[in-house]
Protein backbone atom coordinates (compact mmCIF):
# COMPACT_ATOMS: atom_id res chain seq x y z
CA MET A 1 37.77 -33.87 -19.94
CA ILE A 2 38.14 -36.48 -16.47
CA ARG A 3 39.69 -33.22 -15.09
CA LYS A 4 36.61 -31.40 -15.77
CA ALA A 5 34.30 -34.07 -15.12
CA CYS A 6 35.59 -34.40 -11.44
CA LEU A 7 35.50 -30.82 -11.01
CA SER A 8 32.23 -30.64 -11.71
CA VAL A 9 31.34 -33.59 -9.24
CA LEU A 10 33.16 -31.62 -6.65
CA SER A 11 31.52 -28.30 -7.49
CA LEU A 12 27.92 -30.31 -7.16
CA ARG A 13 28.41 -30.95 -4.21
CA GLU A 14 30.02 -28.25 -2.55
CA GLN A 15 26.72 -26.64 -4.13
CA ARG A 16 24.87 -29.47 -2.33
CA TRP A 17 26.48 -28.76 1.16
CA VAL A 18 26.28 -25.07 0.90
CA ALA A 19 22.39 -25.64 0.36
CA VAL A 20 22.44 -28.17 3.47
CA GLU A 21 24.18 -25.77 5.75
CA ARG A 22 21.58 -22.86 4.63
CA ILE A 23 18.66 -25.17 5.47
CA LEU A 24 20.33 -26.25 8.58
CA SER A 25 21.04 -22.76 9.68
CA TRP A 26 17.40 -22.06 8.99
CA LEU A 27 16.30 -24.89 11.12
CA ILE A 28 18.74 -23.20 14.08
CA LEU A 29 17.36 -19.77 13.63
CA ALA A 30 14.27 -21.49 13.67
CA LEU A 31 14.01 -23.17 16.96
CA LEU A 32 16.46 -20.56 18.53
CA CYS A 33 13.15 -18.03 17.56
CA MET A 34 10.76 -20.18 18.86
CA GLY A 35 13.07 -21.24 22.37
CA ILE A 36 13.06 -17.22 22.79
CA LEU A 37 9.12 -17.04 22.36
CA SER A 38 8.75 -19.89 24.57
CA SER A 39 10.99 -18.21 27.34
CA SER A 40 8.81 -15.00 26.89
CA ARG A 41 5.71 -17.00 27.90
CA LEU A 42 7.34 -18.19 31.07
CA TRP A 43 8.37 -15.08 32.05
CA THR A 44 5.32 -13.58 32.41
CA GLU A 45 3.53 -16.15 34.83
CA GLN A 46 3.35 -15.88 38.17
CA VAL A 47 2.70 -18.42 40.76
CA PRO A 48 -0.70 -18.49 41.95
CA VAL A 49 -1.65 -18.05 45.74
CA ARG A 50 -2.36 -21.51 47.34
CA GLN A 51 -1.11 -19.97 51.02
CA LYS A 52 -1.64 -16.81 52.05
CA GLU A 53 0.95 -15.18 53.57
CA GLY A 54 -0.10 -13.39 56.94
CA LEU A 55 1.98 -12.44 60.32
CA VAL A 56 5.25 -13.63 60.97
CA HIS A 57 8.21 -13.71 63.34
CA GLY A 58 10.68 -16.41 62.78
CA PHE A 59 14.41 -17.16 64.59
CA LEU A 60 16.79 -18.35 61.91
CA VAL A 61 20.67 -19.12 61.81
CA LEU A 62 23.10 -18.72 59.21
CA ARG A 63 25.50 -21.03 59.13
CA THR A 64 28.87 -22.79 56.82
CA LEU A 65 27.95 -25.90 55.06
CA ASP A 66 30.08 -27.67 57.78
CA GLY A 67 28.15 -26.25 60.15
CA LYS A 68 29.84 -23.33 62.05
CA ALA A 69 27.69 -20.15 63.06
CA LEU A 70 27.75 -17.11 60.67
CA ALA A 71 25.11 -14.53 61.76
CA ASP A 72 21.56 -14.78 63.39
CA GLY A 73 18.92 -13.87 61.98
CA ASP A 74 14.67 -12.62 62.12
CA LEU A 75 12.29 -13.55 59.77
CA ILE A 76 8.94 -10.34 60.55
CA GLN A 77 6.50 -10.29 57.92
CA VAL A 78 3.19 -8.28 58.41
CA ALA A 79 -0.05 -8.59 56.04
CA HIS A 80 -2.28 -5.54 55.27
CA GLY A 81 -5.10 -7.04 53.54
CA ASP A 82 -3.46 -7.93 50.12
CA ARG A 83 -0.54 -6.21 50.46
CA VAL A 84 2.45 -8.36 52.75
CA THR A 85 6.08 -6.49 53.86
CA SER A 86 8.57 -9.27 54.80
CA ARG A 87 11.85 -8.26 56.46
CA LEU A 88 14.43 -10.67 56.18
CA THR A 89 17.54 -9.62 58.37
CA PHE A 90 21.29 -11.45 59.25
CA ARG A 91 23.55 -10.13 62.20
CA PHE A 92 26.97 -11.43 61.23
CA LYS A 93 29.19 -11.95 64.50
CA ASP A 94 32.12 -9.98 62.65
CA GLY A 95 29.14 -6.36 62.42
CA SER A 96 28.45 -7.36 58.45
CA LEU A 97 24.74 -7.05 57.66
CA HIS A 98 21.75 -8.79 55.17
CA ASP A 99 18.92 -6.83 55.50
CA GLU A 100 16.37 -7.27 52.76
CA THR A 101 12.73 -5.99 52.54
CA ALA A 102 10.02 -7.13 50.02
CA ILE A 103 6.39 -5.54 49.13
CA PHE A 104 4.42 -7.74 47.40
CA SER A 105 0.51 -8.36 47.08
CA GLN A 106 -1.39 -11.38 46.77
CA ARG A 107 -4.39 -11.50 45.18
CA SER A 108 -4.43 -14.34 42.88
CA ARG A 109 -0.81 -14.63 42.46
CA PHE A 110 1.73 -13.21 44.00
CA ARG A 111 3.53 -9.69 42.67
CA LEU A 112 6.52 -8.29 43.74
CA LEU A 113 6.26 -4.56 43.97
CA SER A 114 9.30 -3.61 45.53
CA ASP A 115 12.80 -4.65 46.87
CA HIS A 116 15.49 -3.37 48.81
CA LEU A 117 18.86 -5.55 49.54
CA VAL A 118 21.32 -4.18 51.82
CA GLN A 119 24.67 -6.10 51.92
CA LYS A 120 27.63 -4.56 53.76
CA GLY A 121 30.62 -5.83 56.01
CA PRO A 122 33.50 -8.08 55.82
CA ALA A 123 31.20 -11.28 55.09
CA PHE A 124 31.08 -9.47 52.34
CA GLU A 125 33.55 -9.49 48.69
CA HIS A 126 31.46 -6.89 47.22
CA PRO A 127 29.02 -5.06 49.58
CA LEU A 128 25.99 -3.55 47.51
CA ASP A 129 23.11 -1.60 48.25
CA ILE A 130 19.84 -2.47 45.37
CA SER A 131 16.09 -0.89 45.32
CA LEU A 132 13.97 -2.18 42.76
CA ASP A 133 10.43 -0.21 42.39
CA ALA A 134 8.60 -3.61 40.39
CA SER A 135 5.70 -1.68 38.61
CA THR A 136 8.19 0.94 37.16
CA GLY A 137 11.34 -0.79 36.59
CA HIS A 138 13.61 1.46 38.35
CA VAL A 139 16.61 -0.09 39.80
CA THR A 140 19.56 1.68 41.85
CA VAL A 141 22.88 0.02 42.60
CA ARG A 142 25.34 1.46 44.98
CA TYR A 143 28.16 -0.16 45.37
CA THR A 144 32.36 0.34 46.33
CA LYS A 145 35.18 -0.07 43.80
CA ASP A 146 38.70 0.35 44.75
CA GLY A 147 37.40 2.43 47.69
CA ASN A 148 35.08 4.69 45.47
CA GLU A 149 31.22 4.30 46.37
CA LYS A 150 29.37 4.27 42.88
CA THR A 151 25.52 4.26 41.79
CA ILE A 152 24.29 2.78 38.57
CA THR A 153 20.49 3.62 37.99
CA GLU A 154 18.91 1.58 35.22
CA SER A 155 14.93 1.37 33.89
CA LEU A 156 14.18 -2.24 33.11
CA SER A 157 11.34 -4.02 31.26
CA LEU A 158 10.61 -6.19 34.48
CA PRO A 159 8.51 -9.13 33.73
CA ALA A 160 5.35 -9.70 36.42
CA ASP A 161 6.93 -12.59 37.71
CA VAL A 162 10.37 -11.15 39.22
CA ALA A 163 10.75 -13.15 42.36
CA ASN A 164 13.32 -10.86 44.70
CA GLY A 165 13.24 -11.29 48.04
CA LEU A 166 9.82 -13.52 47.27
CA LEU A 167 11.86 -17.15 46.51
CA LEU A 168 10.93 -18.48 50.21
CA THR A 169 7.56 -17.91 49.57
CA LEU A 170 6.72 -18.74 46.28
CA LEU A 171 8.16 -22.73 46.75
CA LYS A 172 5.80 -22.86 49.40
CA ASN A 173 3.10 -22.49 46.82
CA VAL A 174 4.33 -24.24 43.59
CA GLY A 175 3.50 -27.53 44.95
CA PRO A 176 5.94 -30.83 45.62
CA ASP A 177 5.54 -31.96 41.83
CA ALA A 178 7.08 -28.53 40.74
CA LYS A 179 8.97 -28.88 37.62
CA ASP A 180 10.35 -26.73 35.02
CA ILE A 181 9.22 -24.07 36.55
CA GLU A 182 10.80 -20.04 35.71
CA ILE A 183 10.70 -17.09 37.12
CA SER A 184 12.77 -14.42 36.89
CA PHE A 185 14.93 -12.54 39.21
CA VAL A 186 17.22 -9.10 39.00
CA ALA A 187 20.85 -9.84 39.27
CA ALA A 188 23.21 -7.06 40.61
CA THR A 189 26.82 -7.49 39.09
CA PRO A 190 26.84 -4.79 39.94
CA LYS A 191 25.11 -3.84 36.72
CA PRO A 192 21.62 -4.85 37.04
CA ARG A 193 19.88 -7.88 34.59
CA VAL A 194 16.99 -9.89 34.51
CA VAL A 195 18.19 -13.90 34.50
CA LYS A 196 15.89 -16.28 34.97
CA LEU A 197 15.66 -19.03 37.82
CA LYS A 198 14.42 -22.76 37.08
CA VAL A 199 12.80 -24.42 39.69
CA ASN A 200 12.25 -28.34 40.11
CA ALA A 201 10.94 -30.40 42.86
CA GLU A 202 13.79 -32.97 43.03
CA SER A 203 12.71 -35.91 45.84
CA GLU A 204 11.65 -35.73 49.89
CA THR A 205 13.86 -35.66 52.09
CA ALA A 206 13.44 -36.94 55.81
CA PHE A 207 14.05 -34.93 59.00
CA SER A 208 13.01 -35.43 62.16
CA THR A 209 11.41 -33.01 65.23
CA GLY A 210 12.16 -34.36 68.58
CA VAL A 211 10.61 -37.91 68.10
CA THR A 212 8.51 -37.04 65.30
CA GLN A 213 9.86 -38.36 62.01
CA ARG A 214 8.65 -35.71 58.56
CA LYS A 215 9.75 -35.87 55.16
CA ALA A 216 10.43 -32.38 53.19
CA THR A 217 10.65 -31.59 49.47
CA HIS A 218 13.93 -30.86 48.22
CA PHE A 219 14.05 -27.95 45.42
CA VAL A 220 17.01 -27.18 43.16
CA VAL A 221 16.76 -23.61 41.84
CA LYS A 222 19.44 -23.01 38.76
CA VAL A 223 20.47 -19.47 37.54
CA GLU A 224 19.48 -19.17 33.99
CA ILE A 225 21.61 -16.03 32.87
CA GLY A 226 21.00 -16.34 29.17
CA GLY A 227 22.53 -14.73 25.48
CA ILE A 228 25.91 -14.68 25.24
CA SER A 229 26.91 -14.16 29.40
CA GLY A 230 24.99 -17.67 29.93
CA LEU A 231 27.42 -19.76 27.07
CA ILE A 232 30.10 -18.62 27.89
CA ALA A 233 29.53 -18.35 31.73
CA PRO A 234 30.36 -21.84 32.70
CA LEU A 235 33.37 -22.29 30.51
CA LEU A 236 35.00 -19.19 32.31
CA GLY A 237 33.49 -20.46 35.85
CA LYS A 238 31.31 -18.04 36.26
CA GLN A 239 27.48 -20.07 36.25
CA PRO A 240 26.24 -19.15 39.68
CA PRO A 241 25.64 -22.41 41.28
CA ASP A 242 22.41 -23.95 42.47
CA THR A 243 20.33 -23.14 45.70
CA HIS A 244 19.11 -25.79 47.36
CA VAL A 245 15.53 -25.46 49.66
CA TRP A 246 13.74 -27.72 51.71
CA ILE A 247 10.05 -27.09 52.39
CA LEU A 248 7.38 -29.34 54.21
CA GLU A 249 4.45 -29.69 52.32
CA GLY A 250 0.80 -30.14 53.44
CA THR A 251 -1.73 -27.72 54.80
CA ALA A 252 0.71 -25.53 56.53
CA PRO A 253 3.97 -25.66 54.28
CA ALA A 254 6.48 -24.23 56.02
CA PHE A 255 10.51 -23.25 55.25
CA VAL A 256 12.99 -25.90 56.76
CA LYS A 257 16.02 -25.22 55.58
CA SER A 258 18.46 -23.55 52.47
CA GLU A 259 22.07 -24.24 51.56
CA GLY A 260 23.08 -21.51 48.64
CA PRO A 261 24.96 -18.41 48.10
CA LEU A 262 23.62 -15.70 49.59
CA ALA A 263 25.82 -12.88 47.58
CA PRO A 264 26.87 -12.60 43.87
CA GLY A 265 29.94 -15.09 43.97
CA GLY A 266 29.54 -15.79 47.16
CA PRO A 267 30.27 -18.97 49.20
CA ALA A 268 27.86 -21.24 49.72
CA TRP A 269 25.85 -20.95 53.37
CA ARG A 270 23.05 -22.58 55.17
CA ILE A 271 19.81 -21.33 56.68
CA GLU A 272 17.78 -22.94 58.83
CA LEU A 273 15.15 -22.40 61.50
CA VAL A 274 16.49 -22.06 65.28
CA SER A 275 14.63 -22.12 68.85
CA PRO A 276 15.44 -19.90 71.49
CA VAL A 277 17.88 -21.01 74.13
CA TRP A 278 17.10 -20.16 77.78
CA PRO A 279 19.12 -19.57 80.33
CA ASP A 280 19.62 -22.10 83.10
CA VAL A 281 17.63 -21.00 86.45
CA PRO A 282 17.59 -22.97 89.64
CA ALA A 283 14.31 -24.78 90.23
CA SER A 284 13.86 -23.02 93.18
CA ASP A 285 14.59 -19.16 91.66
CA SER A 286 12.28 -20.33 89.01
CA SER A 287 9.16 -21.35 91.22
CA LYS A 288 9.35 -18.01 92.77
CA GLY A 289 9.22 -16.39 89.49
CA ALA A 290 6.11 -18.20 89.04
CA LYS A 291 5.05 -17.30 92.33
C-alpha cells in the first residue's frame, strides 16, 4: 500500500513536470516567434537620408593594425539626381585588387540598386566576384576552389535595407545616438545568404588634424548570422569579428577610419584617409614654375 502511494505521488510529480515542461516549451516558442516577427520588421527598415551624397574623390590607404601599408585606395562617387554610383578600389603592393561598385538611390531613404565586388590576388585567401541586383534579388557568385572556377546563382528575397557597398554612407546618416540599428547584408561564403548587421554608436574618440582637436563617433558593427548557423558559429570559432568605424559628426559628417576584415575569414585591416605627398622640389625650381 505504501509503495503504491509513493508510486502514485511520483507519478503525479512526473505529470506536473511534464505539464511545466510543455508550458515552458510553448513560452519559448512564443518568444521565438515574437523575435522572428520583430526581426522581420527591423529588416525592412531603411536608413533615412539626412545628408545627401554628391561628387567625391577621396584618397585612402589600407594598413595592417600595426601600421604596415598594404594598398592605396580611391573612393570615387558621382551623383545624377537621386541616383549615386560609388566605387571603392584598393590596389595592393602584391598585385591584389579589391574593387566594389555600388549604385543606390537617395530619395527619402537610402536604397541599394546593385552591387558588384571583385577580390582577387594573393591578399585574399578566397578570391571571389559577386554581383547582386537588389531589385530582383538575383545574386551571382564566382569563386575558385581547388584550382577550378565555380559559379553559384541564387534568387534571394532581399529586404529593402540591404547595405552592400553602403555601410560608410549609412553610418554618416544614423547619428551619434544610434543603438541596436539592424540592416541587412548579403554575405558570400561562397554561397550567398542574407545576414544582419547590428550597429551601435559606442563612444566618442578624440583625434587631431594639425593643431585642431576633433572628436569622432565610434561605431561598432556586429554580424548576426541568425538561425542554427548563428548559434553554432561562435562555438566553432566562425563568428565574424566586429567592424569598427569612426565618423566625424556635424553639419557635414565624414568618414575618418575603420578597422575590420575586408573579406570573409580575412584579417582585420585599417582604412584611413591619406593626404597627397609632393616630391621635394628646390625653391628656385618652384618659383620658376610659378612664373
